Amino acid sequence: AGLELREDVHTIIEPGMVISMEPM
């Protein structure tokens, strides 16, 4: 949950992260 594309998550994306893009 520390790496989610949400308004209340301010984590900086770093090398080695794996992230989805999934608008609905």
PDBML (XML) file of the C-alpha atoms, coordinates in Angstrom:
<?xml version="1.0" encoding="UTF-8" ?>
<PDBx:datablock datablockName="MODEL"
   xmlns:PDBx="http://pdbml.pdb.org/schema/pdbx-v50.xsd"
   xmlns:xsi="http://www.w3.org/2001/XMLSchema-instance"
   xsi:schemaLocation="http://pdbml.pdb.org/schema/pdbx-v50.xsd pdbx-v50.xsd">
   <PDBx:atom_siteCategory>
      <PDBx:atom_site id="1">
         <PDBx:B_iso_or_equiv>0.00</PDBx:B_iso_or_equiv>
         <PDBx:Cartn_x>0.000</PDBx:Cartn_x>
         <PDBx:Cartn_y>0.000</PDBx:Cartn_y>
         <PDBx:Cartn_z>0.000</PDBx:Cartn_z>
         <PDBx:auth_asym_id>A</PDBx:auth_asym_id>
         <PDBx:auth_atom_id>CA</PDBx:auth_atom_id>
         <PDBx:auth_comp_id>ALA</PDBx:auth_comp_id>
         <PDBx:auth_seq_id>1</PDBx:auth_seq_id>
         <PDBx:group_PDB>ATOM</PDBx:group_PDB>
         <PDBx:label_alt_id xsi:nil="true" />
         <PDBx:label_asym_id>A</PDBx:label_asym_id>
         <PDBx:label_atom_id>CA</PDBx:label_atom_id>
         <PDBx:label_comp_id>ALA</PDBx:label_comp_id>
         <PDBx:label_entity_id>1</PDBx:label_entity_id>
         <PDBx:label_seq_id>1</PDBx:label_seq_id>
         <PDBx:occupancy>1.00</PDBx:occupancy>
         <PDBx:pdbx_PDB_model_num>1</PDBx:pdbx_PDB_model_num>
         <PDBx:type_symbol>C</PDBx:type_symbol>
      </PDBx:atom_site>
      <PDBx:atom_site id="2">
         <PDBx:B_iso_or_equiv>0.00</PDBx:B_iso_or_equiv>
         <PDBx:Cartn_x>3.001</PDBx:Cartn_x>
         <PDBx:Cartn_y>2.318</PDBx:Cartn_y>
         <PDBx:Cartn_z>0.177</PDBx:Cartn_z>
         <PDBx:auth_asym_id>A</PDBx:auth_asym_id>
         <PDBx:auth_atom_id>CA</PDBx:auth_atom_id>
         <PDBx:auth_comp_id>GLY</PDBx:auth_comp_id>
         <PDBx:auth_seq_id>2</PDBx:auth_seq_id>
         <PDBx:group_PDB>ATOM</PDBx:group_PDB>
         <PDBx:label_alt_id xsi:nil="true" />
         <PDBx:label_asym_id>A</PDBx:label_asym_id>
         <PDBx:label_atom_id>CA</PDBx:label_atom_id>
         <PDBx:label_comp_id>GLY</PDBx:label_comp_id>
         <PDBx:label_entity_id>1</PDBx:label_entity_id>
         <PDBx:label_seq_id>2</PDBx:label_seq_id>
         <PDBx:occupancy>1.00</PDBx:occupancy>
         <PDBx:pdbx_PDB_model_num>1</PDBx:pdbx_PDB_model_num>
         <PDBx:type_symbol>C</PDBx:type_symbol>
      </PDBx:atom_site>
      <PDBx:atom_site id="3">
         <PDBx:B_iso_or_equiv>0.00</PDBx:B_iso_or_equiv>
         <PDBx:Cartn_x>3.126</PDBx:Cartn_x>
         <PDBx:Cartn_y>2.282</PDBx:Cartn_y>
         <PDBx:Cartn_z>-3.612</PDBx:Cartn_z>
         <PDBx:auth_asym_id>A</PDBx:auth_asym_id>
         <PDBx:auth_atom_id>CA</PDBx:auth_atom_id>
         <PDBx:auth_comp_id>LEU</PDBx:auth_comp_id>
         <PDBx:auth_seq_id>3</PDBx:auth_seq_id>
         <PDBx:group_PDB>ATOM</PDBx:group_PDB>
         <PDBx:label_alt_id xsi:nil="true" />
         <PDBx:label_asym_id>A</PDBx:label_asym_id>
         <PDBx:label_atom_id>CA</PDBx:label_atom_id>
         <PDBx:label_comp_id>LEU</PDBx:label_comp_id>
         <PDBx:label_entity_id>1</PDBx:label_entity_id>
         <PDBx:label_seq_id>3</PDBx:label_seq_id>
         <PDBx:occupancy>1.00</PDBx:occupancy>
         <PDBx:pdbx_PDB_model_num>1</PDBx:pdbx_PDB_model_num>
         <PDBx:type_symbol>C</PDBx:type_symbol>
      </PDBx:atom_site>
      <PDBx:atom_site id="4">
         <PDBx:B_iso_or_equiv>0.00</PDBx:B_iso_or_equiv>
         <PDBx:Cartn_x>-0.279</PDBx:Cartn_x>
         <PDBx:Cartn_y>3.188</PDBx:Cartn_y>
         <PDBx:Cartn_z>-5.006</PDBx:Cartn_z>
         <PDBx:auth_asym_id>A</PDBx:auth_asym_id>
         <PDBx:auth_atom_id>CA</PDBx:auth_atom_id>
         <PDBx:auth_comp_id>GLU</PDBx:auth_comp_id>
         <PDBx:auth_seq_id>4</PDBx:auth_seq_id>
         <PDBx:group_PDB>ATOM</PDBx:group_PDB>
         <PDBx:label_alt_id xsi:nil="true" />
         <PDBx:label_asym_id>A</PDBx:label_asym_id>
         <PDBx:label_atom_id>CA</PDBx:label_atom_id>
         <PDBx:label_comp_id>GLU</PDBx:label_comp_id>
         <PDBx:label_entity_id>1</PDBx:label_entity_id>
         <PDBx:label_seq_id>4</PDBx:label_seq_id>
         <PDBx:occupancy>1.00</PDBx:occupancy>
         <PDBx:pdbx_PDB_model_num>1</PDBx:pdbx_PDB_model_num>
         <PDBx:type_symbol>C</PDBx:type_symbol>
      </PDBx:atom_site>
      <PDBx:atom_site id="5">
         <PDBx:B_iso_or_equiv>0.00</PDBx:B_iso_or_equiv>
         <PDBx:Cartn_x>-1.238</PDBx:Cartn_x>
         <PDBx:Cartn_y>5.875</PDBx:Cartn_y>
         <PDBx:Cartn_z>-7.498</PDBx:Cartn_z>
         <PDBx:auth_asym_id>A</PDBx:auth_asym_id>
         <PDBx:auth_atom_id>CA</PDBx:auth_atom_id>
         <PDBx:auth_comp_id>LEU</PDBx:auth_comp_id>
         <PDBx:auth_seq_id>5</PDBx:auth_seq_id>
         <PDBx:group_PDB>ATOM</PDBx:group_PDB>
         <PDBx:label_alt_id xsi:nil="true" />
         <PDBx:label_asym_id>A</PDBx:label_asym_id>
         <PDBx:label_atom_id>CA</PDBx:label_atom_id>
         <PDBx:label_comp_id>LEU</PDBx:label_comp_id>
         <PDBx:label_entity_id>1</PDBx:label_entity_id>
         <PDBx:label_seq_id>5</PDBx:label_seq_id>
         <PDBx:occupancy>1.00</PDBx:occupancy>
         <PDBx:pdbx_PDB_model_num>1</PDBx:pdbx_PDB_model_num>
         <PDBx:type_symbol>C</PDBx:type_symbol>
      </PDBx:atom_site>
      <PDBx:atom_site id="6">
         <PDBx:B_iso_or_equiv>0.00</PDBx:B_iso_or_equiv>
         <PDBx:Cartn_x>-3.637</PDBx:Cartn_x>
         <PDBx:Cartn_y>7.761</PDBx:Cartn_y>
         <PDBx:Cartn_z>-5.233</PDBx:Cartn_z>
         <PDBx:auth_asym_id>A</PDBx:auth_asym_id>
         <PDBx:auth_atom_id>CA</PDBx:auth_atom_id>
         <PDBx:auth_comp_id>ARG</PDBx:auth_comp_id>
         <PDBx:auth_seq_id>6</PDBx:auth_seq_id>
         <PDBx:group_PDB>ATOM</PDBx:group_PDB>
         <PDBx:label_alt_id xsi:nil="true" />
         <PDBx:label_asym_id>A</PDBx:label_asym_id>
         <PDBx:label_atom_id>CA</PDBx:label_atom_id>
         <PDBx:label_comp_id>ARG</PDBx:label_comp_id>
         <PDBx:label_entity_id>1</PDBx:label_entity_id>
         <PDBx:label_seq_id>6</PDBx:label_seq_id>
         <PDBx:occupancy>1.00</PDBx:occupancy>
         <PDBx:pdbx_PDB_model_num>1</PDBx:pdbx_PDB_model_num>
         <PDBx:type_symbol>C</PDBx:type_symbol>
      </PDBx:atom_site>
      <PDBx:atom_site id="7">
         <PDBx:B_iso_or_equiv>0.00</PDBx:B_iso_or_equiv>
         <PDBx:Cartn_x>-4.093</PDBx:Cartn_x>
         <PDBx:Cartn_y>11.316</PDBx:Cartn_y>
         <PDBx:Cartn_z>-4.041</PDBx:Cartn_z>
         <PDBx:auth_asym_id>A</PDBx:auth_asym_id>
         <PDBx:auth_atom_id>CA</PDBx:auth_atom_id>
         <PDBx:auth_comp_id>GLU</PDBx:auth_comp_id>
         <PDBx:auth_seq_id>7</PDBx:auth_seq_id>
         <PDBx:group_PDB>ATOM</PDBx:group_PDB>
         <PDBx:label_alt_id xsi:nil="true" />
         <PDBx:label_asym_id>A</PDBx:label_asym_id>
         <PDBx:label_atom_id>CA</PDBx:label_atom_id>
         <PDBx:label_comp_id>GLU</PDBx:label_comp_id>
         <PDBx:label_entity_id>1</PDBx:label_entity_id>
         <PDBx:label_seq_id>7</PDBx:label_seq_id>
         <PDBx:occupancy>1.00</PDBx:occupancy>
         <PDBx:pdbx_PDB_model_num>1</PDBx:pdbx_PDB_model_num>
         <PDBx:type_symbol>C</PDBx:type_symbol>
      </PDBx:atom_site>
      <PDBx:atom_site id="8">
         <PDBx:B_iso_or_equiv>0.00</PDBx:B_iso_or_equiv>
         <PDBx:Cartn_x>-3.065</PDBx:Cartn_x>
         <PDBx:Cartn_y>10.399</PDBx:Cartn_y>
         <PDBx:Cartn_z>-0.485</PDBx:Cartn_z>
         <PDBx:auth_asym_id>A</PDBx:auth_asym_id>
         <PDBx:auth_atom_id>CA</PDBx:auth_atom_id>
         <PDBx:auth_comp_id>ASP</PDBx:auth_comp_id>
         <PDBx:auth_seq_id>8</PDBx:auth_seq_id>
         <PDBx:group_PDB>ATOM</PDBx:group_PDB>
         <PDBx:label_alt_id xsi:nil="true" />
         <PDBx:label_asym_id>A</PDBx:label_asym_id>
         <PDBx:label_atom_id>CA</PDBx:label_atom_id>
         <PDBx:label_comp_id>ASP</PDBx:label_comp_id>
         <PDBx:label_entity_id>1</PDBx:label_entity_id>
         <PDBx:label_seq_id>8</PDBx:label_seq_id>
         <PDBx:occupancy>1.00</PDBx:occupancy>
         <PDBx:pdbx_PDB_model_num>1</PDBx:pdbx_PDB_model_num>
         <PDBx:type_symbol>C</PDBx:type_symbol>
      </PDBx:atom_site>
      <PDBx:atom_site id="9">
         <PDBx:B_iso_or_equiv>0.00</PDBx:B_iso_or_equiv>
         <PDBx:Cartn_x>0.095</PDBx:Cartn_x>
         <PDBx:Cartn_y>8.417</PDBx:Cartn_y>
         <PDBx:Cartn_z>-1.327</PDBx:Cartn_z>
         <PDBx:auth_asym_id>A</PDBx:auth_asym_id>
         <PDBx:auth_atom_id>CA</PDBx:auth_atom_id>
         <PDBx:auth_comp_id>VAL</PDBx:auth_comp_id>
         <PDBx:auth_seq_id>9</PDBx:auth_seq_id>
         <PDBx:group_PDB>ATOM</PDBx:group_PDB>
         <PDBx:label_alt_id xsi:nil="true" />
         <PDBx:label_asym_id>A</PDBx:label_asym_id>
         <PDBx:label_atom_id>CA</PDBx:label_atom_id>
         <PDBx:label_comp_id>VAL</PDBx:label_comp_id>
         <PDBx:label_entity_id>1</PDBx:label_entity_id>
         <PDBx:label_seq_id>9</PDBx:label_seq_id>
         <PDBx:occupancy>1.00</PDBx:occupancy>
         <PDBx:pdbx_PDB_model_num>1</PDBx:pdbx_PDB_model_num>
         <PDBx:type_symbol>C</PDBx:type_symbol>
      </PDBx:atom_site>
      <PDBx:atom_site id="10">
         <PDBx:B_iso_or_equiv>0.00</PDBx:B_iso_or_equiv>
         <PDBx:Cartn_x>3.158</PDBx:Cartn_x>
         <PDBx:Cartn_y>10.640</PDBx:Cartn_y>
         <PDBx:Cartn_z>-1.722</PDBx:Cartn_z>
         <PDBx:auth_asym_id>A</PDBx:auth_asym_id>
         <PDBx:auth_atom_id>CA</PDBx:auth_atom_id>
         <PDBx:auth_comp_id>HIS</PDBx:auth_comp_id>
         <PDBx:auth_seq_id>10</PDBx:auth_seq_id>
         <PDBx:group_PDB>ATOM</PDBx:group_PDB>
         <PDBx:label_alt_id xsi:nil="true" />
         <PDBx:label_asym_id>A</PDBx:label_asym_id>
         <PDBx:label_atom_id>CA</PDBx:label_atom_id>
         <PDBx:label_comp_id>HIS</PDBx:label_comp_id>
         <PDBx:label_entity_id>1</PDBx:label_entity_id>
         <PDBx:label_seq_id>10</PDBx:label_seq_id>
         <PDBx:occupancy>1.00</PDBx:occupancy>
         <PDBx:pdbx_PDB_model_num>1</PDBx:pdbx_PDB_model_num>
         <PDBx:type_symbol>C</PDBx:type_symbol>
      </PDBx:atom_site>
      <PDBx:atom_site id="11">
         <PDBx:B_iso_or_equiv>0.00</PDBx:B_iso_or_equiv>
         <PDBx:Cartn_x>5.767</PDBx:Cartn_x>
         <PDBx:Cartn_y>7.967</PDBx:Cartn_y>
         <PDBx:Cartn_z>-2.439</PDBx:Cartn_z>
         <PDBx:auth_asym_id>A</PDBx:auth_asym_id>
         <PDBx:auth_atom_id>CA</PDBx:auth_atom_id>
         <PDBx:auth_comp_id>THR</PDBx:auth_comp_id>
         <PDBx:auth_seq_id>11</PDBx:auth_seq_id>
         <PDBx:group_PDB>ATOM</PDBx:group_PDB>
         <PDBx:label_alt_id xsi:nil="true" />
         <PDBx:label_asym_id>A</PDBx:label_asym_id>
         <PDBx:label_atom_id>CA</PDBx:label_atom_id>
         <PDBx:label_comp_id>THR</PDBx:label_comp_id>
         <PDBx:label_entity_id>1</PDBx:label_entity_id>
         <PDBx:label_seq_id>11</PDBx:label_seq_id>
         <PDBx:occupancy>1.00</PDBx:occupancy>
         <PDBx:pdbx_PDB_model_num>1</PDBx:pdbx_PDB_model_num>
         <PDBx:type_symbol>C</PDBx:type_symbol>
      </PDBx:atom_site>
      <PDBx:atom_site id="12">
         <PDBx:B_iso_or_equiv>0.00</PDBx:B_iso_or_equiv>
         <PDBx:Cartn_x>8.442</PDBx:Cartn_x>
         <PDBx:Cartn_y>8.853</PDBx:Cartn_y>
         <PDBx:Cartn_z>-4.996</PDBx:Cartn_z>
         <PDBx:auth_asym_id>A</PDBx:auth_asym_id>
         <PDBx:auth_atom_id>CA</PDBx:auth_atom_id>
         <PDBx:auth_comp_id>ILE</PDBx:auth_comp_id>
         <PDBx:auth_seq_id>12</PDBx:auth_seq_id>
         <PDBx:group_PDB>ATOM</PDBx:group_PDB>
         <PDBx:label_alt_id xsi:nil="true" />
         <PDBx:label_asym_id>A</PDBx:label_asym_id>
         <PDBx:label_atom_id>CA</PDBx:label_atom_id>
         <PDBx:label_comp_id>ILE</PDBx:label_comp_id>
         <PDBx:label_entity_id>1</PDBx:label_entity_id>
         <PDBx:label_seq_id>12</PDBx:label_seq_id>
         <PDBx:occupancy>1.00</PDBx:occupancy>
         <PDBx:pdbx_PDB_model_num>1</PDBx:pdbx_PDB_model_num>
         <PDBx:type_symbol>C</PDBx:type_symbol>
      </PDBx:atom_site>
      <PDBx:atom_site id="13">
         <PDBx:B_iso_or_equiv>0.00</PDBx:B_iso_or_equiv>
         <PDBx:Cartn_x>8.769</PDBx:Cartn_x>
         <PDBx:Cartn_y>6.232</PDBx:Cartn_y>
         <PDBx:Cartn_z>-7.733</PDBx:Cartn_z>
         <PDBx:auth_asym_id>A</PDBx:auth_asym_id>
         <PDBx:auth_atom_id>CA</PDBx:auth_atom_id>
         <PDBx:auth_comp_id>ILE</PDBx:auth_comp_id>
         <PDBx:auth_seq_id>13</PDBx:auth_seq_id>
         <PDBx:group_PDB>ATOM</PDBx:group_PDB>
         <PDBx:label_alt_id xsi:nil="true" />
         <PDBx:label_asym_id>A</PDBx:label_asym_id>
         <PDBx:label_atom_id>CA</PDBx:label_atom_id>
         <PDBx:label_comp_id>ILE</PDBx:label_comp_id>
         <PDBx:label_entity_id>1</PDBx:label_entity_id>
         <PDBx:label_seq_id>13</PDBx:label_seq_id>
         <PDBx:occupancy>1.00</PDBx:occupancy>
         <PDBx:pdbx_PDB_model_num>1</PDBx:pdbx_PDB_model_num>
         <PDBx:type_symbol>C</PDBx:type_symbol>
      </PDBx:atom_site>
      <PDBx:atom_site id="14">
         <PDBx:B_iso_or_equiv>0.00</PDBx:B_iso_or_equiv>
         <PDBx:Cartn_x>12.203</PDBx:Cartn_x>
         <PDBx:Cartn_y>4.570</PDBx:Cartn_y>
         <PDBx:Cartn_z>-7.701</PDBx:Cartn_z>
         <PDBx:auth_asym_id>A</PDBx:auth_asym_id>
         <PDBx:auth_atom_id>CA</PDBx:auth_atom_id>
         <PDBx:auth_comp_id>GLU</PDBx:auth_comp_id>
         <PDBx:auth_seq_id>14</PDBx:auth_seq_id>
         <PDBx:group_PDB>ATOM</PDBx:group_PDB>
         <PDBx:label_alt_id xsi:nil="true" />
         <PDBx:label_asym_id>A</PDBx:label_asym_id>
         <PDBx:label_atom_id>CA</PDBx:label_atom_id>
         <PDBx:label_comp_id>GLU</PDBx:label_comp_id>
         <PDBx:label_entity_id>1</PDBx:label_entity_id>
         <PDBx:label_seq_id>14</PDBx:label_seq_id>
         <PDBx:occupancy>1.00</PDBx:occupancy>
         <PDBx:pdbx_PDB_model_num>1</PDBx:pdbx_PDB_model_num>
         <PDBx:type_symbol>C</PDBx:type_symbol>
      </PDBx:atom_site>
      <PDBx:atom_site id="15">
         <PDBx:B_iso_or_equiv>0.00</PDBx:B_iso_or_equiv>
         <PDBx:Cartn_x>14.151</PDBx:Cartn_x>
         <PDBx:Cartn_y>2.163</PDBx:Cartn_y>
         <PDBx:Cartn_z>-9.907</PDBx:Cartn_z>
         <PDBx:auth_asym_id>A</PDBx:auth_asym_id>
         <PDBx:auth_atom_id>CA</PDBx:auth_atom_id>
         <PDBx:auth_comp_id>PRO</PDBx:auth_comp_id>
         <PDBx:auth_seq_id>15</PDBx:auth_seq_id>
         <PDBx:group_PDB>ATOM</PDBx:group_PDB>
         <PDBx:label_alt_id xsi:nil="true" />
         <PDBx:label_asym_id>A</PDBx:label_asym_id>
         <PDBx:label_atom_id>CA</PDBx:label_atom_id>
         <PDBx:label_comp_id>PRO</PDBx:label_comp_id>
         <PDBx:label_entity_id>1</PDBx:label_entity_id>
         <PDBx:label_seq_id>15</PDBx:label_seq_id>
         <PDBx:occupancy>1.00</PDBx:occupancy>
         <PDBx:pdbx_PDB_model_num>1</PDBx:pdbx_PDB_model_num>
         <PDBx:type_symbol>C</PDBx:type_symbol>
      </PDBx:atom_site>
      <PDBx:atom_site id="16">
         <PDBx:B_iso_or_equiv>0.00</PDBx:B_iso_or_equiv>
         <PDBx:Cartn_x>13.210</PDBx:Cartn_x>
         <PDBx:Cartn_y>-1.435</PDBx:Cartn_y>
         <PDBx:Cartn_z>-9.144</PDBx:Cartn_z>
         <PDBx:auth_asym_id>A</PDBx:auth_asym_id>
         <PDBx:auth_atom_id>CA</PDBx:auth_atom_id>
         <PDBx:auth_comp_id>GLY</PDBx:auth_comp_id>
         <PDBx:auth_seq_id>16</PDBx:auth_seq_id>
         <PDBx:group_PDB>ATOM</PDBx:group_PDB>
         <PDBx:label_alt_id xsi:nil="true" />
         <PDBx:label_asym_id>A</PDBx:label_asym_id>
         <PDBx:label_atom_id>CA</PDBx:label_atom_id>
         <PDBx:label_comp_id>GLY</PDBx:label_comp_id>
         <PDBx:label_entity_id>1</PDBx:label_entity_id>
         <PDBx:label_seq_id>16</PDBx:label_seq_id>
         <PDBx:occupancy>1.00</PDBx:occupancy>
         <PDBx:pdbx_PDB_model_num>1</PDBx:pdbx_PDB_model_num>
         <PDBx:type_symbol>C</PDBx:type_symbol>
      </PDBx:atom_site>
      <PDBx:atom_site id="17">
         <PDBx:B_iso_or_equiv>0.00</PDBx:B_iso_or_equiv>
         <PDBx:Cartn_x>9.565</PDBx:Cartn_x>
         <PDBx:Cartn_y>-0.677</PDBx:Cartn_y>
         <PDBx:Cartn_z>-8.514</PDBx:Cartn_z>
         <PDBx:auth_asym_id>A</PDBx:auth_asym_id>
         <PDBx:auth_atom_id>CA</PDBx:auth_atom_id>
         <PDBx:auth_comp_id>MET</PDBx:auth_comp_id>
         <PDBx:auth_seq_id>17</PDBx:auth_seq_id>
         <PDBx:group_PDB>ATOM</PDBx:group_PDB>
         <PDBx:label_alt_id xsi:nil="true" />
         <PDBx:label_asym_id>A</PDBx:label_asym_id>
         <PDBx:label_atom_id>CA</PDBx:label_atom_id>
         <PDBx:label_comp_id>MET</PDBx:label_comp_id>
         <PDBx:label_entity_id>1</PDBx:label_entity_id>
         <PDBx:label_seq_id>17</PDBx:label_seq_id>
         <PDBx:occupancy>1.00</PDBx:occupancy>
         <PDBx:pdbx_PDB_model_num>1</PDBx:pdbx_PDB_model_num>
         <PDBx:type_symbol>C</PDBx:type_symbol>
      </PDBx:atom_site>
      <PDBx:atom_site id="18">
         <PDBx:B_iso_or_equiv>0.00</PDBx:B_iso_or_equiv>
         <PDBx:Cartn_x>6.890</PDBx:Cartn_x>
         <PDBx:Cartn_y>-2.490</PDBx:Cartn_y>
         <PDBx:Cartn_z>-10.515</PDBx:Cartn_z>
         <PDBx:auth_asym_id>A</PDBx:auth_asym_id>
         <PDBx:auth_atom_id>CA</PDBx:auth_atom_id>
         <PDBx:auth_comp_id>VAL</PDBx:auth_comp_id>
         <PDBx:auth_seq_id>18</PDBx:auth_seq_id>
         <PDBx:group_PDB>ATOM</PDBx:group_PDB>
         <PDBx:label_alt_id xsi:nil="true" />
         <PDBx:label_asym_id>A</PDBx:label_asym_id>
         <PDBx:label_atom_id>CA</PDBx:label_atom_id>
         <PDBx:label_comp_id>VAL</PDBx:label_comp_id>
         <PDBx:label_entity_id>1</PDBx:label_entity_id>
         <PDBx:label_seq_id>18</PDBx:label_seq_id>
         <PDBx:occupancy>1.00</PDBx:occupancy>
         <PDBx:pdbx_PDB_model_num>1</PDBx:pdbx_PDB_model_num>
         <PDBx:type_symbol>C</PDBx:type_symbol>
      </PDBx:atom_site>
      <PDBx:atom_site id="19">
         <PDBx:B_iso_or_equiv>0.00</PDBx:B_iso_or_equiv>
         <PDBx:Cartn_x>3.639</PDBx:Cartn_x>
         <PDBx:Cartn_y>-0.560</PDBx:Cartn_y>
         <PDBx:Cartn_z>-10.926</PDBx:Cartn_z>
         <PDBx:auth_asym_id>A</PDBx:auth_asym_id>
         <PDBx:auth_atom_id>CA</PDBx:auth_atom_id>
         <PDBx:auth_comp_id>ILE</PDBx:auth_comp_id>
         <PDBx:auth_seq_id>19</PDBx:auth_seq_id>
         <PDBx:group_PDB>ATOM</PDBx:group_PDB>
         <PDBx:label_alt_id xsi:nil="true" />
         <PDBx:label_asym_id>A</PDBx:label_asym_id>
         <PDBx:label_atom_id>CA</PDBx:label_atom_id>
         <PDBx:label_comp_id>ILE</PDBx:label_comp_id>
         <PDBx:label_entity_id>1</PDBx:label_entity_id>
         <PDBx:label_seq_id>19</PDBx:label_seq_id>
         <PDBx:occupancy>1.00</PDBx:occupancy>
         <PDBx:pdbx_PDB_model_num>1</PDBx:pdbx_PDB_model_num>
         <PDBx:type_symbol>C</PDBx:type_symbol>
      </PDBx:atom_site>
      <PDBx:atom_site id="20">
         <PDBx:B_iso_or_equiv>0.00</PDBx:B_iso_or_equiv>
         <PDBx:Cartn_x>0.364</PDBx:Cartn_x>
         <PDBx:Cartn_y>-0.962</PDBx:Cartn_y>
         <PDBx:Cartn_z>-12.757</PDBx:Cartn_z>
         <PDBx:auth_asym_id>A</PDBx:auth_asym_id>
         <PDBx:auth_atom_id>CA</PDBx:auth_atom_id>
         <PDBx:auth_comp_id>SER</PDBx:auth_comp_id>
         <PDBx:auth_seq_id>20</PDBx:auth_seq_id>
         <PDBx:group_PDB>ATOM</PDBx:group_PDB>
         <PDBx:label_alt_id xsi:nil="true" />
         <PDBx:label_asym_id>A</PDBx:label_asym_id>
         <PDBx:label_atom_id>CA</PDBx:label_atom_id>
         <PDBx:label_comp_id>SER</PDBx:label_comp_id>
         <PDBx:label_entity_id>1</PDBx:label_entity_id>
         <PDBx:label_seq_id>20</PDBx:label_seq_id>
         <PDBx:occupancy>1.00</PDBx:occupancy>
         <PDBx:pdbx_PDB_model_num>1</PDBx:pdbx_PDB_model_num>
         <PDBx:type_symbol>C</PDBx:type_symbol>
      </PDBx:atom_site>
      <PDBx:atom_site id="21">
         <PDBx:B_iso_or_equiv>0.00</PDBx:B_iso_or_equiv>
         <PDBx:Cartn_x>-1.566</PDBx:Cartn_x>
         <PDBx:Cartn_y>1.709</PDBx:Cartn_y>
         <PDBx:Cartn_z>-14.610</PDBx:Cartn_z>
         <PDBx:auth_asym_id>A</PDBx:auth_asym_id>
         <PDBx:auth_atom_id>CA</PDBx:auth_atom_id>
         <PDBx:auth_comp_id>MET</PDBx:auth_comp_id>
         <PDBx:auth_seq_id>21</PDBx:auth_seq_id>
         <PDBx:group_PDB>ATOM</PDBx:group_PDB>
         <PDBx:label_alt_id xsi:nil="true" />
         <PDBx:label_asym_id>A</PDBx:label_asym_id>
         <PDBx:label_atom_id>CA</PDBx:label_atom_id>
         <PDBx:label_comp_id>MET</PDBx:label_comp_id>
         <PDBx:label_entity_id>1</PDBx:label_entity_id>
         <PDBx:label_seq_id>21</PDBx:label_seq_id>
         <PDBx:occupancy>1.00</PDBx:occupancy>
         <PDBx:pdbx_PDB_model_num>1</PDBx:pdbx_PDB_model_num>
         <PDBx:type_symbol>C</PDBx:type_symbol>
      </PDBx:atom_site>
      <PDBx:atom_site id="22">
         <PDBx:B_iso_or_equiv>0.00</PDBx:B_iso_or_equiv>
         <PDBx:Cartn_x>-5.262</PDBx:Cartn_x>
         <PDBx:Cartn_y>0.817</PDBx:Cartn_y>
         <PDBx:Cartn_z>-14.424</PDBx:Cartn_z>
         <PDBx:auth_asym_id>A</PDBx:auth_asym_id>
         <PDBx:auth_atom_id>CA</PDBx:auth_atom_id>
         <PDBx:auth_comp_id>GLU</PDBx:auth_comp_id>
         <PDBx:auth_seq_id>22</PDBx:auth_seq_id>
         <PDBx:group_PDB>ATOM</PDBx:group_PDB>
         <PDBx:label_alt_id xsi:nil="true" />
         <PDBx:label_asym_id>A</PDBx:label_asym_id>
         <PDBx:label_atom_id>CA</PDBx:label_atom_id>
         <PDBx:label_comp_id>GLU</PDBx:label_comp_id>
         <PDBx:label_entity_id>1</PDBx:label_entity_id>
         <PDBx:label_seq_id>22</PDBx:label_seq_id>
         <PDBx:occupancy>1.00</PDBx:occupancy>
         <PDBx:pdbx_PDB_model_num>1</PDBx:pdbx_PDB_model_num>
         <PDBx:type_symbol>C</PDBx:type_symbol>
      </PDBx:atom_site>
      <PDBx:atom_site id="23">
         <PDBx:B_iso_or_equiv>0.00</PDBx:B_iso_or_equiv>
         <PDBx:Cartn_x>-7.850</PDBx:Cartn_x>
         <PDBx:Cartn_y>3.573</PDBx:Cartn_y>
         <PDBx:Cartn_z>-14.696</PDBx:Cartn_z>
         <PDBx:auth_asym_id>A</PDBx:auth_asym_id>
         <PDBx:auth_atom_id>CA</PDBx:auth_atom_id>
         <PDBx:auth_comp_id>PRO</PDBx:auth_comp_id>
         <PDBx:auth_seq_id>23</PDBx:auth_seq_id>
         <PDBx:group_PDB>ATOM</PDBx:group_PDB>
         <PDBx:label_alt_id xsi:nil="true" />
         <PDBx:label_asym_id>A</PDBx:label_asym_id>
         <PDBx:label_atom_id>CA</PDBx:label_atom_id>
         <PDBx:label_comp_id>PRO</PDBx:label_comp_id>
         <PDBx:label_entity_id>1</PDBx:label_entity_id>
         <PDBx:label_seq_id>23</PDBx:label_seq_id>
         <PDBx:occupancy>1.00</PDBx:occupancy>
         <PDBx:pdbx_PDB_model_num>1</PDBx:pdbx_PDB_model_num>
         <PDBx:type_symbol>C</PDBx:type_symbol>
      </PDBx:atom_site>
      <PDBx:atom_site id="24">
         <PDBx:B_iso_or_equiv>0.00</PDBx:B_iso_or_equiv>
         <PDBx:Cartn_x>-11.519</PDBx:Cartn_x>
         <PDBx:Cartn_y>2.619</PDBx:Cartn_y>
         <PDBx:Cartn_z>-14.346</PDBx:Cartn_z>
         <PDBx:auth_asym_id>A</PDBx:auth_asym_id>
         <PDBx:auth_atom_id>CA</PDBx:auth_atom_id>
         <PDBx:auth_comp_id>MET</PDBx:auth_comp_id>
         <PDBx:auth_seq_id>24</PDBx:auth_seq_id>
         <PDBx:group_PDB>ATOM</PDBx:group_PDB>
         <PDBx:label_alt_id xsi:nil="true" />
         <PDBx:label_asym_id>A</PDBx:label_asym_id>
         <PDBx:label_atom_id>CA</PDBx:label_atom_id>
         <PDBx:label_comp_id>MET</PDBx:label_comp_id>
         <PDBx:label_entity_id>1</PDBx:label_entity_id>
         <PDBx:label_seq_id>24</PDBx:label_seq_id>
         <PDBx:occupancy>1.00</PDBx:occupancy>
         <PDBx:pdbx_PDB_model_num>1</PDBx:pdbx_PDB_model_num>
         <PDBx:type_symbol>C</PDBx:type_symbol>
      </PDBx:atom_site>
   </PDBx:atom_siteCategory>
</PDBx:datablock>
